[in-house]
Amino acid sequence: MTVTIYGITTCDTVRKARAWLDGKGVAYRFHDFRKDGLDAKTLGQWLDVVGWEAVLNKAGTSFRALPDADKAGLDRAKAAALILANPTLVKRPVLETGAEVLVGFKPEIYAKALSPG
């Protein structure tokens, strides 16, 4: 199983998720939005699987800092454009297991998704 975790190194939730993965001995690749960016194809796949409402973090400081015009009338296309322009708008972390895309970190959900069989 190829596991990739997406986020930023300074995010506490990403740190917790990575510590959990390390503690369980799960090998993974870390993709840092600030260093590695986010491409439209990957984002499009996430939006197809979990929906833009799950991917866009409306509670974060990045979203709150946006002009009101950017926050108004959100739909998939507008959310995707905003996220591509500022990947820190993604609710973090995003975990790709090869079979699933998980947004956010809950140990019990990670354990179920990463259990063999």
Protein backbone atom coordinates (compact mmCIF):
# COMPACT_ATOMS: atom_id res chain seq x y z
CA MET A 1 0.00 0.00 0.00
CA THR A 2 1.33 3.40 -0.98
CA VAL A 3 0.37 6.03 1.59
CA THR A 4 0.80 9.75 1.02
CA ILE A 5 -0.07 12.39 3.58
CA TYR A 6 -0.58 15.97 2.38
CA GLY A 7 -0.31 19.05 4.57
CA ILE A 8 2.10 21.61 5.92
CA THR A 9 4.82 20.98 8.49
CA THR A 10 3.61 23.70 10.86
CA CYS A 11 0.05 22.32 11.18
CA ASP A 12 -0.57 20.70 14.58
CA THR A 13 -3.10 18.23 13.14
CA VAL A 14 -0.62 17.15 10.46
CA ARG A 15 1.99 16.67 13.17
CA LYS A 16 -0.41 14.50 15.18
CA ALA A 17 -1.28 12.41 12.11
CA ARG A 18 2.36 11.90 11.19
CA ALA A 19 3.22 10.94 14.78
CA TRP A 20 0.36 8.43 14.74
CA LEU A 21 1.59 6.94 11.44
CA ASP A 22 5.16 6.79 12.78
CA GLY A 23 3.96 5.15 15.99
CA LYS A 24 2.08 2.48 14.04
CA GLY A 25 5.05 1.84 11.74
CA VAL A 26 3.15 2.96 8.65
CA ALA A 27 5.49 3.95 5.82
CA TYR A 28 4.31 7.07 4.05
CA ARG A 29 5.41 9.92 1.82
CA PHE A 30 4.84 13.45 3.09
CA HIS A 31 3.78 16.07 0.55
CA ASP A 32 4.21 19.61 1.86
CA PHE A 33 1.87 22.08 0.16
CA ARG A 34 4.24 24.96 0.82
CA LYS A 35 7.23 23.24 -0.80
CA ASP A 36 5.59 20.88 -3.28
CA GLY A 37 2.42 22.77 -4.20
CA LEU A 38 -0.84 21.13 -5.27
CA ASP A 39 -1.76 20.26 -8.84
CA ALA A 40 -5.22 20.48 -10.39
CA LYS A 41 -5.35 16.75 -11.19
CA THR A 42 -4.77 15.68 -7.57
CA LEU A 43 -7.22 18.27 -6.24
CA GLY A 44 -9.80 17.20 -8.82
CA GLN A 45 -9.52 13.59 -7.66
CA TRP A 46 -10.09 14.62 -4.04
CA LEU A 47 -13.10 16.71 -5.00
CA ASP A 48 -14.54 13.78 -6.97
CA VAL A 49 -14.12 11.41 -4.00
CA VAL A 50 -14.99 13.52 -0.95
CA GLY A 51 -16.50 16.73 -2.35
CA TRP A 52 -15.27 20.32 -2.23
CA GLU A 53 -17.13 21.00 1.02
CA ALA A 54 -14.95 18.43 2.83
CA VAL A 55 -11.69 19.62 1.25
CA LEU A 56 -12.13 23.38 1.73
CA ASN A 57 -11.35 24.38 5.32
CA LYS A 58 -13.77 27.20 6.06
CA ALA A 59 -12.75 27.25 9.72
CA GLY A 60 -9.07 28.04 9.11
CA THR A 61 -7.28 31.35 9.20
CA SER A 62 -6.47 31.17 5.48
CA PHE A 63 -10.17 31.09 4.62
CA ARG A 64 -11.08 33.81 7.12
CA ALA A 65 -8.41 36.05 5.59
CA LEU A 66 -9.98 35.86 2.13
CA PRO A 67 -11.94 38.84 0.81
CA ASP A 68 -15.70 38.46 1.27
CA ALA A 69 -16.15 38.33 -2.51
CA ASP A 70 -14.02 35.17 -2.63
CA LYS A 71 -16.09 33.54 0.13
CA ALA A 72 -19.43 34.33 -1.51
CA GLY A 73 -21.15 32.02 -3.97
CA LEU A 74 -18.87 29.06 -3.41
CA ASP A 75 -19.24 26.05 -5.65
CA ARG A 76 -16.86 23.33 -6.81
CA ALA A 77 -15.20 25.43 -9.53
CA LYS A 78 -14.71 28.48 -7.31
CA ALA A 79 -13.46 26.37 -4.37
CA ALA A 80 -11.00 24.55 -6.65
CA ALA A 81 -9.64 27.83 -8.02
CA LEU A 82 -9.21 29.25 -4.50
CA ILE A 83 -7.48 26.08 -3.26
CA LEU A 84 -5.12 25.94 -6.23
CA ALA A 85 -4.18 29.58 -5.64
CA ASN A 86 -3.70 28.94 -1.90
CA PRO A 87 -3.28 25.25 -0.97
CA THR A 88 -3.34 26.11 2.75
CA LEU A 89 -7.13 26.33 2.28
CA VAL A 90 -7.20 22.51 2.26
CA LYS A 91 -8.51 20.91 5.44
CA ARG A 92 -5.48 19.04 6.72
CA PRO A 93 -4.16 16.49 6.53
CA VAL A 94 -5.30 14.65 3.43
CA LEU A 95 -4.31 10.99 3.47
CA GLU A 96 -4.29 8.91 0.31
CA THR A 97 -4.12 5.17 0.94
CA GLY A 98 -4.44 4.07 -2.66
CA ALA A 99 -8.01 2.94 -1.95
CA GLU A 100 -9.30 5.92 0.00
CA VAL A 101 -8.93 9.66 0.45
CA LEU A 102 -9.32 10.80 4.06
CA VAL A 103 -9.58 14.46 5.05
CA GLY A 104 -8.68 15.50 8.57
CA PHE A 105 -7.26 13.25 11.27
CA LYS A 106 -9.15 10.84 13.48
CA PRO A 107 -7.05 7.93 14.81
CA GLU A 108 -9.93 5.44 14.64
CA ILE A 109 -10.60 6.23 10.98
CA TYR A 110 -6.90 5.98 10.12
CA ALA A 111 -6.68 2.64 11.95
CA LYS A 112 -9.63 1.24 9.99
CA ALA A 113 -8.38 2.54 6.63
CA LEU A 114 -4.84 1.26 7.17
CA SER A 115 -5.64 -2.11 8.69
CA PRO A 116 -4.64 -5.10 6.56
CA GLY A 117 -7.45 -6.91 4.82
